[in-house]
Amino acid sequence: MTIKTIANGTEMTIAVAGRLDTTTAPELENTVKKLTDSVTVLLLDLEEMEYISSAGLRVLLSAQKQMNGKGKMIVKNVSAEVMEIFEITGFTDILTIK
């Protein structure tokens, strides 16, 4: 998995590529925790994400909770495969997906 971050004032884009699973989830979790202190809009670009496990879903849920009190989190460019996982798990009701 690779993570790219782009800061633009109080907006942060985190682009995730590859597999977000038990092995790689802690890396994304640490990135979100470190970079979102002064952020009011967190954009997660999942265009190149191939797979997400329950550990990855937990990281997204944690990021959403972290942003709830400070602003908003938007998930964008979700592949059909990942979107299917979001739909099955009910994450389409929890996350703002564009």
Protein backbone atom coordinates (compact mmCIF):
# COMPACT_ATOMS: atom_id res chain seq x y z
CA MET A 1 0.00 0.00 0.00
CA THR A 2 1.12 3.54 -0.69
CA ILE A 3 -0.21 6.72 0.88
CA LYS A 4 0.13 10.18 -0.64
CA THR A 5 -0.92 13.28 1.25
CA ILE A 6 -1.71 16.71 -0.17
CA ALA A 7 -2.40 19.64 2.16
CA ASN A 8 -4.32 22.70 1.01
CA GLY A 9 -4.96 25.01 3.95
CA THR A 10 -7.40 23.26 6.26
CA GLU A 11 -8.17 20.61 3.62
CA MET A 12 -6.16 17.39 3.49
CA THR A 13 -6.31 14.78 0.74
CA ILE A 14 -5.01 11.31 1.50
CA ALA A 15 -4.73 9.06 -1.56
CA VAL A 16 -4.50 5.35 -0.80
CA ALA A 17 -3.30 2.80 -3.36
CA GLY A 18 -3.10 -0.97 -3.06
CA ARG A 19 -4.54 -3.14 -0.32
CA LEU A 20 -5.79 -1.79 2.99
CA ASP A 21 -5.70 -4.79 5.28
CA THR A 22 -4.45 -5.96 8.67
CA THR A 23 -0.84 -5.42 7.69
CA THR A 24 -1.22 -1.94 6.20
CA ALA A 25 -4.09 -0.45 8.24
CA PRO A 26 -1.84 0.81 11.09
CA GLU A 27 0.14 2.90 8.59
CA LEU A 28 -3.00 4.69 7.36
CA GLU A 29 -4.27 5.08 10.92
CA ASN A 30 -1.02 6.76 11.98
CA THR A 31 -1.11 9.05 8.93
CA VAL A 32 -4.66 10.16 9.68
CA LYS A 33 -3.91 10.77 13.36
CA LYS A 34 -0.76 12.80 12.63
CA LEU A 35 -2.13 14.94 9.83
CA THR A 36 -5.67 15.82 10.84
CA ASP A 37 -5.07 18.07 13.86
CA SER A 38 -5.64 21.32 11.96
CA VAL A 39 -7.81 19.86 9.19
CA THR A 40 -11.51 20.64 8.79
CA VAL A 41 -12.00 18.70 5.54
CA LEU A 42 -10.44 15.26 5.05
CA LEU A 43 -10.68 13.81 1.56
CA LEU A 44 -9.84 10.13 1.18
CA ASP A 45 -9.10 9.35 -2.47
CA LEU A 46 -9.50 5.59 -2.96
CA GLU A 47 -9.16 5.53 -6.75
CA GLU A 48 -6.22 3.13 -6.65
CA MET A 49 -7.35 1.06 -3.66
CA GLU A 50 -7.79 -2.56 -4.72
CA TYR A 51 -9.07 -4.12 -1.51
CA ILE A 52 -10.20 -3.22 1.99
CA SER A 53 -10.46 -5.63 4.93
CA SER A 54 -12.27 -5.25 8.23
CA ALA A 55 -9.10 -3.69 9.67
CA GLY A 56 -9.23 -1.07 6.91
CA LEU A 57 -12.90 -0.43 7.58
CA ARG A 58 -12.07 0.14 11.24
CA VAL A 59 -9.50 2.79 10.25
CA LEU A 60 -12.07 4.58 8.06
CA LEU A 61 -14.60 4.49 10.89
CA SER A 62 -12.04 5.86 13.32
CA ALA A 63 -11.13 8.66 10.89
CA GLN A 64 -14.82 9.49 10.45
CA LYS A 65 -15.28 9.72 14.23
CA GLN A 66 -12.16 11.86 14.53
CA MET A 67 -13.47 14.30 11.90
CA ASN A 68 -17.06 14.45 13.22
CA GLY A 69 -16.22 17.05 15.83
CA LYS A 70 -13.89 19.09 13.63
CA GLY A 71 -15.37 19.12 10.16
CA LYS A 72 -16.13 16.51 7.56
CA MET A 73 -14.62 13.50 5.83
CA ILE A 74 -15.38 12.69 2.21
CA VAL A 75 -14.46 9.44 0.50
CA LYS A 76 -14.09 9.75 -3.27
CA ASN A 77 -13.21 7.73 -6.37
CA VAL A 78 -14.26 4.41 -4.85
CA SER A 79 -13.86 1.36 -7.11
CA ALA A 80 -16.79 -0.97 -7.72
CA GLU A 81 -15.13 -3.70 -5.65
CA VAL A 82 -14.57 -1.48 -2.62
CA MET A 83 -18.02 0.09 -2.99
CA GLU A 84 -19.55 -3.38 -2.83
CA ILE A 85 -17.79 -3.95 0.50
CA PHE A 86 -19.06 -0.57 1.75
CA GLU A 87 -22.62 -1.50 0.74
CA ILE A 88 -22.50 -4.96 2.33
CA THR A 89 -21.13 -3.60 5.62
CA GLY A 90 -23.45 -0.58 5.76
CA PHE A 91 -20.60 1.90 5.41
CA THR A 92 -22.52 3.68 2.64
CA ASP A 93 -24.79 4.93 5.44
CA ILE A 94 -21.89 6.04 7.63
CA LEU A 95 -19.48 7.63 5.14
CA THR A 96 -19.97 10.54 2.76
CA ILE A 97 -19.05 8.99 -0.58
CA LYS A 98 -18.70 11.01 -3.77
